[in-house]
């Protein structure tokens, strides 16, 4: 199961859960004001180009076969439909969906193999309730963190209303994963475009820039110094540019307009608690690691989504000549171990 000489953790894979799968768990718990409707809003983009791109991984067996086929030891999995939890406007229904996904993952994935780890879905609409669900997911279901949506939710993720979630995550010693989706192109400046390739190009990177700006300038890393936060599926090479831009703005206006950000934004970004997933084709991955820190970049398959290139992406990183062996080991596994507070079995 080892890939060449490296122990590999997938820091961001996905379950392609269906409405029918979730509704089974929602009904079993007696929850859900609308148990017959679609679980998440959809945008109707043809992501798969008529079924020619990507696949589905709705069960543990599919995931384990994929891991064995590429050499991944442990996978940390996020939802697919659940990426749009911020677009669910009814707070009670959002909470029901989140708890249903967490129960579904525990029973259908976590209980099938210790190699399959889950990040809890929590609905930020009612932060105190989200903190309770996070506590249940971590303590009772063995989840390794919580996902918050980079788009869709009406408040930026640095807003003080979300402090109960961050406080609980820090208390539990688990991470927060910020994950984007293509839904709602006006959230990331792509509503001018009429093709998916244009919208998707903008989506994840701009959404992550938005949330990193909010969280750093509103003092989340300052107020929760032990909280680990991951910004996922946007690559990493945008980070040095954005850190420099944040520094420049903060130096001129921070004391007045961002008083909770006590240090240069780049100090927080490089401080060890903010993590970023990488894309195998990023030519400036090495210099980015030198800037951000060698302990903060992680490999992620994005399997089985349409734009994943696993296992080729894994082998491409293994074979790069511009990354040291030590840095490869960290990117491919050790940094994800630290972020998710898990240990790959010897």
Protein backbone atom coordinates (compact mmCIF):
# COMPACT_ATOMS: atom_id res chain seq x y z
CA UNK A 1 0.00 0.00 0.00
CA UNK A 2 2.99 2.34 0.21
CA UNK A 3 3.72 4.51 -2.81
CA UNK A 4 7.37 4.04 -3.76
CA UNK A 5 9.41 5.11 -0.71
CA UNK A 6 6.87 7.58 0.66
CA UNK A 7 4.01 7.11 3.09
CA UNK A 8 1.08 8.95 1.61
CA UNK A 9 -1.94 10.59 3.22
CA UNK A 10 -4.59 12.06 0.97
CA UNK A 11 -5.38 15.36 2.66
CA UNK A 12 -8.53 16.03 0.64
CA UNK A 13 -10.49 13.30 -1.10
CA UNK A 14 -14.24 13.26 -1.59
CA UNK A 15 -17.24 11.07 -1.03
CA UNK A 16 -19.83 11.44 -3.79
CA UNK A 17 -22.79 10.97 -1.49
CA UNK A 18 -26.24 10.70 -3.02
CA UNK A 19 -29.45 12.22 -1.73
CA UNK A 20 -30.84 8.72 -1.24
CA UNK A 21 -27.90 7.69 0.94
CA UNK A 22 -28.24 10.73 3.19
CA UNK A 23 -32.00 10.55 3.44
CA UNK A 24 -31.71 7.03 4.81
CA UNK A 25 -29.75 8.36 7.79
CA UNK A 26 -31.90 11.45 8.16
CA UNK A 27 -35.06 9.34 8.33
CA UNK A 28 -33.41 6.88 10.72
CA UNK A 29 -32.74 9.70 13.16
CA UNK A 30 -36.24 11.09 12.81
CA UNK A 31 -34.85 14.34 11.47
CA UNK A 32 -35.59 16.52 8.52
CA UNK A 33 -38.48 18.89 7.82
CA UNK A 34 -38.31 18.07 4.10
CA UNK A 35 -37.22 14.42 3.84
CA UNK A 36 -38.33 14.02 0.22
CA UNK A 37 -36.60 17.03 -1.37
CA UNK A 38 -33.13 17.19 -2.87
CA UNK A 39 -30.52 17.48 -0.17
CA UNK A 40 -28.34 20.28 -1.58
CA UNK A 41 -28.87 23.08 -4.11
CA UNK A 42 -27.45 22.28 -7.54
CA UNK A 43 -26.10 24.58 -10.25
CA UNK A 44 -26.53 22.25 -13.25
CA UNK A 45 -23.06 22.76 -14.72
CA UNK A 46 -21.87 19.78 -16.77
CA UNK A 47 -18.81 19.04 -14.67
CA UNK A 48 -18.06 15.64 -16.22
CA UNK A 49 -18.28 16.73 -19.87
CA UNK A 50 -20.96 14.22 -20.61
CA UNK A 51 -19.50 11.56 -18.36
CA UNK A 52 -15.99 11.66 -19.84
CA UNK A 53 -14.30 13.14 -16.75
CA UNK A 54 -14.18 11.92 -13.17
CA UNK A 55 -16.07 9.06 -11.58
CA UNK A 56 -18.00 8.34 -8.38
CA UNK A 57 -16.88 7.04 -5.00
CA UNK A 58 -19.99 6.60 -2.92
CA UNK A 59 -18.83 3.64 -0.84
CA UNK A 60 -15.83 2.52 1.16
CA UNK A 61 -14.94 -0.30 -1.20
CA UNK A 62 -14.47 2.06 -4.14
CA UNK A 63 -12.25 4.29 -2.07
CA UNK A 64 -10.10 1.46 -0.75
CA UNK A 65 -9.56 0.10 -4.27
CA UNK A 66 -8.49 3.53 -5.47
CA UNK A 67 -6.10 3.95 -2.56
CA UNK A 68 -4.50 0.57 -3.16
CA UNK A 69 -4.22 1.29 -6.87
CA UNK A 70 -2.19 4.45 -6.35
CA UNK A 71 -0.36 3.83 -3.09
CA UNK A 72 -2.29 5.93 -0.57
CA UNK A 73 -2.11 4.67 3.00
CA UNK A 74 -4.80 6.85 4.60
CA UNK A 75 -7.43 9.14 3.07
CA UNK A 76 -9.11 12.09 4.75
CA UNK A 77 -12.49 12.51 3.09
CA UNK A 78 -14.83 15.46 2.61
CA UNK A 79 -18.36 15.54 1.22
CA UNK A 80 -19.28 16.53 -2.34
CA UNK A 81 -22.84 17.80 -2.14
CA UNK A 82 -22.01 19.00 1.35
CA UNK A 83 -19.57 21.53 -0.10
CA UNK A 84 -22.69 23.57 -0.78
CA UNK A 85 -23.94 23.56 2.82
CA UNK A 86 -23.65 27.35 2.90
CA UNK A 87 -26.28 27.59 0.18
CA UNK A 88 -28.88 25.80 2.27
CA UNK A 89 -30.80 28.77 3.61
CA UNK A 90 -32.96 27.07 6.26
CA UNK A 91 -30.79 26.72 9.39
CA UNK A 92 -32.68 23.71 10.76
CA UNK A 93 -32.45 21.82 7.48
CA UNK A 94 -28.75 22.65 7.13
CA UNK A 95 -28.15 21.21 10.60
CA UNK A 96 -30.12 18.06 9.75
CA UNK A 97 -28.13 17.56 6.55
CA UNK A 98 -24.85 18.00 8.38
CA UNK A 99 -25.67 15.49 11.09
CA UNK A 100 -26.98 13.08 8.47
CA UNK A 101 -23.75 13.25 6.48
CA UNK A 102 -21.69 12.67 9.60
CA UNK A 103 -23.74 9.61 10.56
CA UNK A 104 -23.60 8.34 6.99
CA UNK A 105 -19.82 8.65 6.85
CA UNK A 106 -19.32 6.97 10.21
CA UNK A 107 -21.44 3.95 9.33
CA UNK A 108 -20.56 3.55 5.66
CA UNK A 109 -16.88 4.52 5.68
CA UNK A 110 -15.26 4.85 9.09
CA UNK A 111 -16.70 1.58 10.36
CA UNK A 112 -15.52 -0.20 7.20
CA UNK A 113 -11.83 0.69 7.49
CA UNK A 114 -9.52 2.67 9.81
CA UNK A 115 -7.79 3.95 6.67
CA UNK A 116 -10.81 6.13 5.89
CA UNK A 117 -11.01 9.28 8.01
CA UNK A 118 -13.72 11.90 7.81
CA UNK A 119 -13.98 15.64 8.27
CA UNK A 120 -17.30 16.55 9.84
CA UNK A 121 -19.82 18.64 8.01
CA UNK A 122 -21.16 21.41 10.24
CA UNK A 123 -23.74 24.05 9.38
CA UNK A 124 -22.41 27.51 10.35
CA UNK A 125 -25.90 29.04 10.33
CA UNK A 126 -26.25 28.56 14.10
CA UNK A 127 -22.69 28.48 15.41
CA UNK A 128 -23.49 27.25 18.91
CA UNK A 129 -25.35 24.27 17.46
CA UNK A 130 -22.54 23.72 14.96
CA UNK A 131 -20.07 23.55 17.85
CA UNK A 132 -22.22 20.89 19.51
CA UNK A 133 -22.34 18.86 16.30
CA UNK A 134 -18.58 19.17 15.94
CA UNK A 135 -18.15 17.87 19.48
CA UNK A 136 -20.43 14.92 18.75
CA UNK A 137 -18.69 14.18 15.46
CA UNK A 138 -15.21 14.20 16.97
CA UNK A 139 -15.92 12.50 20.29
CA UNK A 140 -18.57 9.98 19.21
CA UNK A 141 -17.87 9.42 15.51
CA UNK A 142 -14.09 9.82 15.35
CA UNK A 143 -14.06 12.70 12.88
CA UNK A 144 -10.73 14.54 12.55
CA UNK A 145 -11.99 18.08 11.97
CA UNK A 146 -14.77 20.22 10.56
CA UNK A 147 -15.43 21.65 7.11
CA UNK A 148 -16.67 25.19 6.58
CA UNK A 149 -17.82 26.42 3.16
CA UNK A 150 -15.73 29.06 1.40
CA UNK A 151 -18.79 30.18 -0.58
CA UNK A 152 -22.52 30.35 0.00
CA UNK A 153 -22.69 31.24 3.68
CA UNK A 154 -23.73 34.86 4.10
CA UNK A 155 -20.98 35.79 6.56
CA UNK A 156 -17.23 35.73 5.85
CA UNK A 157 -15.46 33.10 7.90
CA UNK A 158 -13.58 35.66 9.98
CA UNK A 159 -16.84 36.98 11.45
CA UNK A 160 -17.00 36.90 15.24
CA UNK A 161 -20.34 35.08 15.10
CA UNK A 162 -18.42 31.93 14.14
CA UNK A 163 -16.18 32.04 17.20
CA UNK A 164 -18.04 29.20 18.98
CA UNK A 165 -17.00 26.82 16.19
CA UNK A 166 -13.36 27.89 16.35
CA UNK A 167 -13.33 27.80 20.12
CA UNK A 168 -14.70 24.25 20.16
CA UNK A 169 -12.28 23.06 17.46
CA UNK A 170 -9.35 24.48 19.40
CA UNK A 171 -10.63 22.87 22.62
CA UNK A 172 -10.99 19.52 20.87
CA UNK A 173 -7.61 19.84 19.21
CA UNK A 174 -9.07 19.33 15.73
CA UNK A 175 -8.68 21.29 12.50
CA UNK A 176 -10.96 23.47 10.40
CA UNK A 177 -10.98 22.81 6.65
CA UNK A 178 -12.08 25.69 4.39
CA UNK A 179 -13.38 24.25 1.13
CA UNK A 180 -14.75 26.00 -1.94
CA UNK A 181 -17.30 25.03 -4.55
CA UNK A 182 -18.35 26.39 -7.93
CA UNK A 183 -21.86 27.21 -6.75
CA UNK A 184 -22.59 30.94 -6.70
CA UNK A 185 -20.08 32.49 -9.13
CA UNK A 186 -20.94 35.99 -7.90
CA UNK A 187 -19.18 35.05 -4.63
CA UNK A 188 -15.83 34.83 -6.41
CA UNK A 189 -16.22 37.32 -9.24
CA UNK A 190 -17.04 34.80 -11.96
CA UNK A 191 -20.64 35.76 -12.67
CA UNK A 192 -19.47 37.51 -15.86
CA UNK A 193 -18.72 34.15 -17.48
CA UNK A 194 -20.90 31.72 -19.37
CA UNK A 195 -18.63 28.67 -19.54
CA UNK A 196 -17.71 26.27 -16.78
CA UNK A 197 -14.00 26.41 -17.60
CA UNK A 198 -13.95 30.15 -16.88
CA UNK A 199 -16.06 29.90 -13.74
CA UNK A 200 -14.13 26.96 -12.32
CA UNK A 201 -10.77 28.62 -13.03
CA UNK A 202 -11.81 31.51 -10.80
CA UNK A 203 -13.74 29.62 -8.16
CA UNK A 204 -11.54 27.92 -5.62
CA UNK A 205 -8.53 30.22 -5.63
CA UNK A 206 -10.50 33.46 -5.34
CA UNK A 207 -12.80 32.00 -2.69
CA UNK A 208 -9.80 30.92 -0.62
CA UNK A 209 -8.18 34.34 -1.00
CA UNK A 210 -11.43 35.84 0.27
CA UNK A 211 -11.62 33.62 3.34
CA UNK A 212 -7.92 33.85 4.18
CA UNK A 213 -8.26 37.65 4.06
CA UNK A 214 -11.27 37.58 6.36
CA UNK A 215 -9.89 35.10 8.86
CA UNK A 216 -6.43 36.67 9.18
CA UNK A 217 -7.48 40.32 9.25
CA UNK A 218 -10.34 39.61 11.65
CA UNK A 219 -7.91 37.88 14.00
CA UNK A 220 -8.96 34.22 13.94
CA UNK A 221 -5.34 32.95 14.15
CA UNK A 222 -4.58 35.59 16.79
CA UNK A 223 -7.57 34.78 18.99
CA UNK A 224 -7.28 31.01 18.54
CA UNK A 225 -3.51 30.49 18.48
CA UNK A 226 -3.67 26.68 18.63
CA UNK A 227 -6.30 26.28 15.91
CA UNK A 228 -5.13 24.61 12.70
CA UNK A 229 -6.83 25.75 9.49
CA UNK A 230 -6.50 24.24 6.01
CA UNK A 231 -7.33 26.01 2.73
CA UNK A 232 -8.10 23.28 0.23
CA UNK A 233 -8.28 22.63 -3.50
CA UNK A 234 -6.86 25.94 -4.69
CA UNK A 235 -3.21 24.98 -4.93
CA UNK A 236 -0.54 26.80 -2.96
CA UNK A 237 1.38 29.15 -5.23
CA UNK A 238 -1.12 31.99 -4.83
CA UNK A 239 -0.23 32.21 -1.14
CA UNK A 240 3.05 34.21 -1.28
CA UNK A 241 1.49 36.81 -3.57
CA UNK A 242 -1.58 37.14 -1.37
CA UNK A 243 0.49 37.27 1.82
CA UNK A 244 2.53 40.15 0.40
CA UNK A 245 -0.62 41.98 -0.63
CA UNK A 246 -2.19 41.49 2.79
CA UNK A 247 0.98 42.80 4.45
CA UNK A 248 0.98 45.93 2.33
CA UNK A 249 -2.67 46.71 3.09
CA UNK A 250 -2.30 45.91 6.79
CA UNK A 251 0.76 48.12 7.20
CA UNK A 252 -1.21 51.14 6.01
CA UNK A 253 -4.65 50.48 7.47
CA UNK A 254 -4.47 47.55 9.86
CA UNK A 255 -4.23 49.48 13.10
CA UNK A 256 -7.54 51.22 12.35
CA UNK A 257 -9.48 48.67 10.31
CA UNK A 258 -8.05 45.32 11.43
CA UNK A 259 -7.15 45.81 15.11
CA UNK A 260 -7.59 42.10 15.91
CA UNK A 261 -4.75 41.27 13.54
CA UNK A 262 -1.84 42.08 15.84
CA UNK A 263 1.02 41.04 13.55
CA UNK A 264 1.77 41.12 9.85
CA UNK A 265 -0.63 38.79 8.02
CA UNK A 266 2.32 36.89 6.59
CA UNK A 267 3.47 36.10 10.13
CA UNK A 268 0.26 34.14 10.70
CA UNK A 269 0.40 32.53 7.26
CA UNK A 270 3.95 31.37 7.91
CA UNK A 271 3.41 30.62 11.58
CA UNK A 272 2.78 26.89 11.28
CA UNK A 273 -0.98 26.59 11.81
CA UNK A 274 -2.27 27.46 8.33
CA UNK A 275 -2.07 24.66 5.77
CA UNK A 276 -2.52 24.59 2.01
CA UNK A 277 -3.06 21.70 -0.39
CA UNK A 278 -0.89 21.54 -3.50
CA UNK A 279 -1.52 20.81 -7.17
CA UNK A 280 1.11 18.60 -8.77
CA UNK A 281 1.64 20.92 -11.75
CA UNK A 282 2.53 24.01 -9.72
CA UNK A 283 5.99 24.93 -10.99
CA UNK A 284 6.64 27.22 -8.02
CA UNK A 285 5.73 24.67 -5.35
CA UNK A 286 9.29 24.59 -4.00
CA UNK A 287 9.68 28.38 -3.62
CA UNK A 288 6.21 28.50 -2.08
CA UNK A 289 7.24 25.89 0.49
CA UNK A 290 10.33 27.97 1.25
CA UNK A 291 8.13 31.03 1.81
CA UNK A 292 5.20 29.48 3.68
CA UNK A 293 7.09 26.74 5.49
CA UNK A 294 7.93 23.15 4.66
CA UNK A 295 5.49 21.87 7.27
CA UNK A 296 2.35 23.48 5.81
CA UNK A 297 1.85 22.07 2.29
CA UNK A 298 -0.03 18.80 1.66
CA UNK A 299 -0.83 16.46 -1.17
CA UNK A 300 -4.49 15.86 -2.00
CA UNK A 301 -6.00 13.60 -4.65
CA UNK A 302 -9.37 15.35 -5.10
CA UNK A 303 -10.50 11.88 -6.18
CA UNK A 304 -13.05 11.17 -7.68
CA UNK A 305 -13.96 14.64 -8.92
CA UNK A 306 -13.80 15.50 -12.61
CA UNK A 307 -10.55 17.50 -12.37
CA UNK A 308 -8.52 14.99 -10.36
CA UNK A 309 -5.51 13.31 -11.96
CA UNK A 310 -4.81 10.69 -9.29
CA UNK A 311 -2.67 8.56 -9.29
CA UNK A 312 -0.67 10.50 -11.89
CA UNK A 313 -0.62 13.55 -9.60
CA UNK A 314 0.97 11.52 -6.82
CA UNK A 315 3.64 10.03 -9.06
CA UNK A 316 4.39 13.46 -10.55
CA UNK A 317 5.26 14.83 -7.11
CA UNK A 318 7.32 11.76 -6.26
CA UNK A 319 9.36 12.23 -9.42
CA UNK A 320 9.99 15.97 -9.20
CA UNK A 321 13.66 16.87 -9.14
CA UNK A 322 13.16 20.37 -7.74
CA UNK A 323 11.85 19.16 -4.36
CA UNK A 324 14.09 17.63 -1.72
CA UNK A 325 13.33 14.14 -0.45
CA UNK A 326 12.56 15.59 2.96
CA UNK A 327 10.07 18.07 1.48
CA UNK A 328 8.40 15.32 -0.56
CA UNK A 329 7.91 13.22 2.56
CA UNK A 330 6.33 16.16 4.33
CA UNK A 331 4.03 17.11 1.46
CA UNK A 332 2.96 13.54 0.76
CA UNK A 333 2.18 12.53 4.31
CA UNK A 334 3.86 14.04 7.33
CA UNK A 335 2.19 17.44 7.15
CA UNK A 336 -1.28 15.92 6.85
CA UNK A 337 -0.51 13.75 9.89
CA UNK A 338 0.19 16.92 11.82
CA UNK A 339 -2.85 18.80 10.54
CA UNK A 340 -5.32 16.02 11.19
CA UNK A 341 -3.61 14.76 14.34
CA UNK A 342 -3.50 11.21 13.04
CA UNK A 343 -0.68 8.73 12.74
CA UNK A 344 -0.15 6.51 9.75
CA UNK A 345 0.33 2.93 11.04
CA UNK A 346 3.87 1.59 10.76
